Amino acid sequence: MPREALRPELAQARAGGMANIGEAARASGVSAKMIRHYESIGLMPAVGRTFAGYRLYSGKDIHRLSFIRRARALGFSTPDIAALLGLWDNRRRSSAQVKKLAQKHVDELAERIAQMQAMQRTLAALAAQCHGDERPDCPILDDLALDGLPLDDEES
């Protein structure tokens, strides 16, 4: 088939409200690379293609990509996003299922925040103990070296 005959097919798809991957990326705020990744892992269903192999996205597909982008921005994991998409697609779901998933994520975030705050306090205390001058002794490095493992010269 001549190359010229393929172009009207893409133009027809666009006239019908379909978008290529670049247009879908711009409309959803998700990069083309991530769109292909989401398709490869099943967060996005396989989309139609033109005869030339260009992916075609509907408004529904772009809305799904926006949903995924927003869920990622809130820190949901890929498995949790898959679960959320399943719940979103299931009009018979109960909101209790969605809330349970969201609350689990809230609890995980709270734990990670607490861990990071503890790391911050520890590092701030170590930094306060460090003279930060020309001397070689450094409480920060000394603390990092306290991993409970024997040092090379202690193993022999």
C-alpha atoms as a PDB file:
ATOM      1  CA  MET A   1       0.000   0.000   0.000  1.00  0.00           C
ATOM      2  CA  PRO A   2       1.473   3.416  -0.858  1.00  0.00           C
ATOM      3  CA  ARG A   3       2.545   5.582   2.040  1.00  0.00           C
ATOM      4  CA  GLU A   4       0.195   8.376   0.972  1.00  0.00           C
ATOM      5  CA  ALA A   5      -2.794   6.082   1.495  1.00  0.00           C
ATOM      6  CA  LEU A   6      -1.847   5.647   5.171  1.00  0.00           C
ATOM      7  CA  ARG A   7      -1.981   9.327   6.045  1.00  0.00           C
ATOM      8  CA  PRO A   8      -5.715   9.806   5.452  1.00  0.00           C
ATOM      9  CA  GLU A   9      -6.359   6.912   7.824  1.00  0.00           C
ATOM     10  CA  LEU A  10      -4.640   8.797  10.661  1.00  0.00           C
ATOM     11  CA  ALA A  11      -6.415  11.971   9.635  1.00  0.00           C
ATOM     12  CA  GLN A  12      -9.722  10.104   9.712  1.00  0.00           C
ATOM     13  CA  ALA A  13      -8.981   8.847  13.208  1.00  0.00           C
ATOM     14  CA  ARG A  14      -8.160  12.376  14.365  1.00  0.00           C
ATOM     15  CA  ALA A  15     -11.353  13.682  12.769  1.00  0.00           C
ATOM     16  CA  GLY A  16     -13.179  11.026  14.775  1.00  0.00           C
ATOM     17  CA  GLY A  17     -11.785  12.407  18.029  1.00  0.00           C
ATOM     18  CA  MET A  18      -8.855  10.025  18.382  1.00  0.00           C
ATOM     19  CA  ALA A  19      -5.389  11.212  19.404  1.00  0.00           C
ATOM     20  CA  ASN A  20      -1.930   9.868  18.691  1.00  0.00           C
ATOM     21  CA  ILE A  21       0.446   9.182  21.580  1.00  0.00           C
ATOM     22  CA  GLY A  22       1.986  12.664  21.532  1.00  0.00           C
ATOM     23  CA  GLU A  23      -1.413  14.311  21.671  1.00  0.00           C
ATOM     24  CA  ALA A  24      -2.561  11.924  24.402  1.00  0.00           C
ATOM     25  CA  ALA A  25       0.607  12.714  26.363  1.00  0.00           C
ATOM     26  CA  ARG A  26       0.005  16.463  26.142  1.00  0.00           C
ATOM     27  CA  ALA A  27      -3.685  16.140  27.017  1.00  0.00           C
ATOM     28  CA  SER A  28      -3.125  13.833  30.006  1.00  0.00           C
ATOM     29  CA  GLY A  29       0.168  15.167  31.359  1.00  0.00           C
ATOM     30  CA  VAL A  30       1.727  11.677  31.072  1.00  0.00           C
ATOM     31  CA  SER A  31       4.834  11.274  28.910  1.00  0.00           C
ATOM     32  CA  ALA A  32       4.667   9.064  25.827  1.00  0.00           C
ATOM     33  CA  LYS A  33       7.308   6.806  27.395  1.00  0.00           C
ATOM     34  CA  MET A  34       5.157   6.306  30.506  1.00  0.00           C
ATOM     35  CA  ILE A  35       2.051   5.728  28.391  1.00  0.00           C
ATOM     36  CA  ARG A  36       3.850   2.873  26.629  1.00  0.00           C
ATOM     37  CA  HIS A  37       5.011   1.581  30.038  1.00  0.00           C
ATOM     38  CA  TYR A  38       1.480   1.686  31.454  1.00  0.00           C
ATOM     39  CA  GLU A  39       0.292  -0.277  28.432  1.00  0.00           C
ATOM     40  CA  SER A  40       3.064  -2.858  28.880  1.00  0.00           C
ATOM     41  CA  ILE A  41       2.147  -3.482  32.531  1.00  0.00           C
ATOM     42  CA  GLY A  42      -1.596  -3.495  31.946  1.00  0.00           C
ATOM     43  CA  LEU A  43      -2.664  -0.241  33.598  1.00  0.00           C
ATOM     44  CA  MET A  44      -3.766   0.896  30.154  1.00  0.00           C
ATOM     45  CA  PRO A  45      -5.559  -1.471  27.833  1.00  0.00           C
ATOM     46  CA  ALA A  46      -4.080  -2.086  24.404  1.00  0.00           C
ATOM     47  CA  VAL A  47      -5.264   0.694  22.137  1.00  0.00           C
ATOM     48  CA  GLY A  48      -6.150   0.644  18.476  1.00  0.00           C
ATOM     49  CA  ARG A  49      -3.558   1.436  15.867  1.00  0.00           C
ATOM     50  CA  THR A  50      -3.514   2.887  12.407  1.00  0.00           C
ATOM     51  CA  PHE A  51      -2.296   0.869   9.451  1.00  0.00           C
ATOM     52  CA  ALA A  52       1.038   2.622   9.952  1.00  0.00           C
ATOM     53  CA  GLY A  53       1.158   1.401  13.547  1.00  0.00           C
ATOM     54  CA  TYR A  54       0.417   4.675  15.325  1.00  0.00           C
ATOM     55  CA  ARG A  55      -1.394   4.217  18.610  1.00  0.00           C
ATOM     56  CA  LEU A  56      -4.835   5.828  18.786  1.00  0.00           C
ATOM     57  CA  TYR A  57      -6.306   7.114  22.048  1.00  0.00           C
ATOM     58  CA  SER A  58      -9.909   8.026  22.742  1.00  0.00           C
ATOM     59  CA  GLY A  59     -11.091  10.629  25.197  1.00  0.00           C
ATOM     60  CA  LYS A  60     -11.794   7.778  27.625  1.00  0.00           C
ATOM     61  CA  ASP A  61      -8.183   6.579  27.294  1.00  0.00           C
ATOM     62  CA  ILE A  62      -6.881  10.088  27.985  1.00  0.00           C
ATOM     63  CA  HIS A  63      -9.155  10.359  31.033  1.00  0.00           C
ATOM     64  CA  ARG A  64      -7.732   7.042  32.297  1.00  0.00           C
ATOM     65  CA  LEU A  65      -4.180   8.361  31.807  1.00  0.00           C
ATOM     66  CA  SER A  66      -5.080  11.485  33.796  1.00  0.00           C
ATOM     67  CA  PHE A  67      -6.458   9.253  36.569  1.00  0.00           C
ATOM     68  CA  ILE A  68      -3.177   7.310  36.643  1.00  0.00           C
ATOM     69  CA  ARG A  69      -1.133  10.540  36.691  1.00  0.00           C
ATOM     70  CA  ARG A  70      -3.156  11.895  39.629  1.00  0.00           C
ATOM     71  CA  ALA A  71      -2.859   8.603  41.551  1.00  0.00           C
ATOM     72  CA  ARG A  72       0.935   8.607  40.971  1.00  0.00           C
ATOM     73  CA  ALA A  73       1.103  12.218  42.161  1.00  0.00           C
ATOM     74  CA  LEU A  74      -0.569  11.090  45.400  1.00  0.00           C
ATOM     75  CA  GLY A  75       2.087   8.407  45.796  1.00  0.00           C
ATOM     76  CA  PHE A  76       0.005   5.314  45.126  1.00  0.00           C
ATOM     77  CA  SER A  77       2.000   2.256  44.078  1.00  0.00           C
ATOM     78  CA  THR A  78       1.441   0.576  40.728  1.00  0.00           C
ATOM     79  CA  PRO A  79      -0.496  -2.336  42.301  1.00  0.00           C
ATOM     80  CA  ASP A  80      -2.657   0.135  44.224  1.00  0.00           C
ATOM     81  CA  ILE A  81      -3.298   2.131  41.048  1.00  0.00           C
ATOM     82  CA  ALA A  82      -4.342  -1.097  39.319  1.00  0.00           C
ATOM     83  CA  ALA A  83      -6.734  -1.786  42.200  1.00  0.00           C
ATOM     84  CA  LEU A  84      -8.085   1.771  42.067  1.00  0.00           C
ATOM     85  CA  LEU A  85      -8.609   1.502  38.319  1.00  0.00           C
ATOM     86  CA  GLY A  86     -10.468  -1.764  38.853  1.00  0.00           C
ATOM     87  CA  LEU A  87     -12.689  -0.081  41.407  1.00  0.00           C
ATOM     88  CA  TRP A  88     -13.178   2.941  39.142  1.00  0.00           C
ATOM     89  CA  ASP A  89     -14.194   0.680  36.254  1.00  0.00           C
ATOM     90  CA  ASN A  90     -16.588  -1.310  38.495  1.00  0.00           C
ATOM     91  CA  ARG A  91     -19.730   0.761  38.915  1.00  0.00           C
ATOM     92  CA  ARG A  92     -20.997  -1.796  41.488  1.00  0.00           C
ATOM     93  CA  ARG A  93     -18.100  -1.168  43.853  1.00  0.00           C
ATOM     94  CA  SER A  94     -18.711   0.134  47.314  1.00  0.00           C
ATOM     95  CA  SER A  95     -17.010   3.315  48.399  1.00  0.00           C
ATOM     96  CA  ALA A  96     -15.849   1.364  51.468  1.00  0.00           C
ATOM     97  CA  GLN A  97     -13.452  -0.577  49.229  1.00  0.00           C
ATOM     98  CA  VAL A  98     -11.975   2.638  47.865  1.00  0.00           C
ATOM     99  CA  LYS A  99     -11.717   4.172  51.321  1.00  0.00           C
ATOM    100  CA  LYS A 100      -9.967   1.094  52.696  1.00  0.00           C
ATOM    101  CA  LEU A 101      -7.325   1.312  49.970  1.00  0.00           C
ATOM    102  CA  ALA A 102      -6.886   5.058  50.475  1.00  0.00           C
ATOM    103  CA  GLN A 103      -6.644   4.687  54.264  1.00  0.00           C
ATOM    104  CA  LYS A 104      -3.999   1.982  53.887  1.00  0.00           C
ATOM    105  CA  HIS A 105      -1.995   4.437  51.775  1.00  0.00           C
ATOM    106  CA  VAL A 106      -2.514   7.233  54.335  1.00  0.00           C
ATOM    107  CA  ASP A 107      -1.190   4.917  57.065  1.00  0.00           C
ATOM    108  CA  GLU A 108       1.834   3.937  54.944  1.00  0.00           C
ATOM    109  CA  LEU A 109       2.577   7.600  54.229  1.00  0.00           C
ATOM    110  CA  ALA A 110       2.357   8.437  57.931  1.00  0.00           C
ATOM    111  CA  GLU A 111       4.851   5.658  58.720  1.00  0.00           C
ATOM    112  CA  ARG A 112       7.253   6.818  56.013  1.00  0.00           C
ATOM    113  CA  ILE A 113       6.973  10.411  57.228  1.00  0.00           C
ATOM    114  CA  ALA A 114       7.745   9.302  60.790  1.00  0.00           C
ATOM    115  CA  GLN A 115      10.774   7.359  59.540  1.00  0.00           C
ATOM    116  CA  MET A 116      12.008  10.325  57.526  1.00  0.00           C
ATOM    117  CA  GLN A 117      11.543  12.671  60.489  1.00  0.00           C
ATOM    118  CA  ALA A 118      13.602  10.292  62.635  1.00  0.00           C
ATOM    119  CA  MET A 119      16.315  10.274  59.960  1.00  0.00           C
ATOM    120  CA  GLN A 120      16.215  14.060  59.850  1.00  0.00           C
ATOM    121  CA  ARG A 121      16.591  14.355  63.627  1.00  0.00           C
ATOM    122  CA  THR A 122      19.495  11.893  63.657  1.00  0.00           C
ATOM    123  CA  LEU A 123      21.303  13.581  60.807  1.00  0.00           C
ATOM    124  CA  ALA A 124      20.724  17.053  62.272  1.00  0.00           C
ATOM    125  CA  ALA A 125      22.193  15.898  65.602  1.00  0.00           C
ATOM    126  CA  LEU A 126      25.220  14.395  63.835  1.00  0.00           C
ATOM    127  CA  ALA A 127      25.710  17.527  61.751  1.00  0.00           C
ATOM    128  CA  ALA A 128      25.574  19.630  64.912  1.00  0.00           C
ATOM    129  CA  GLN A 129      28.339  17.479  66.434  1.00  0.00           C
ATOM    130  CA  CYS A 130      30.585  17.826  63.392  1.00  0.00           C
ATOM    131  CA  HIS A 131      33.107  20.646  63.598  1.00  0.00           C
ATOM    132  CA  GLY A 132      33.133  21.085  59.836  1.00  0.00           C
ATOM    133  CA  ASP A 133      36.727  22.270  59.855  1.00  0.00           C
ATOM    134  CA  GLU A 134      40.083  20.954  58.652  1.00  0.00           C
ATOM    135  CA  ARG A 135      40.265  18.180  61.264  1.00  0.00           C
ATOM    136  CA  PRO A 136      39.876  14.620  59.943  1.00  0.00           C
ATOM    137  CA  ASP A 137      37.621  13.360  62.740  1.00  0.00           C
ATOM    138  CA  CYS A 138      33.954  13.425  61.793  1.00  0.00           C
ATOM    139  CA  PRO A 139      31.050  12.162  63.923  1.00  0.00           C
ATOM    140  CA  ILE A 140      28.901  11.765  60.798  1.00  0.00           C
ATOM    141  CA  LEU A 141      31.319   9.283  59.225  1.00  0.00           C
ATOM    142  CA  ASP A 142      31.898   7.598  62.585  1.00  0.00           C
ATOM    143  CA  ASP A 143      28.167   7.017  62.987  1.00  0.00           C
ATOM    144  CA  LEU A 144      27.801   5.691  59.433  1.00  0.00           C
ATOM    145  CA  ALA A 145      30.615   3.235  60.144  1.00  0.00           C
ATOM    146  CA  LEU A 146      28.710   1.784  63.132  1.00  0.00           C
ATOM    147  CA  ASP A 147      26.832  -0.872  61.199  1.00  0.00           C
ATOM    148  CA  GLY A 148      27.567  -3.743  63.550  1.00  0.00           C
ATOM    149  CA  LEU A 149      29.743  -5.501  60.994  1.00  0.00           C
ATOM    150  CA  PRO A 150      33.416  -6.174  61.740  1.00  0.00           C
ATOM    151  CA  LEU A 151      35.845  -3.855  60.007  1.00  0.00           C
ATOM    152  CA  ASP A 152      38.302  -5.358  57.503  1.00  0.00           C
ATOM    153  CA  ASP A 153      41.215  -5.173  59.945  1.00  0.00           C
ATOM    154  CA  GLU A 154      39.130  -6.838  62.704  1.00  0.00           C
ATOM    155  CA  GLU A 155      38.316  -9.902  60.538  1.00  0.00           C
ATOM    156  CA  SER A 156      41.899 -11.230  60.438  1.00  0.00           C
END
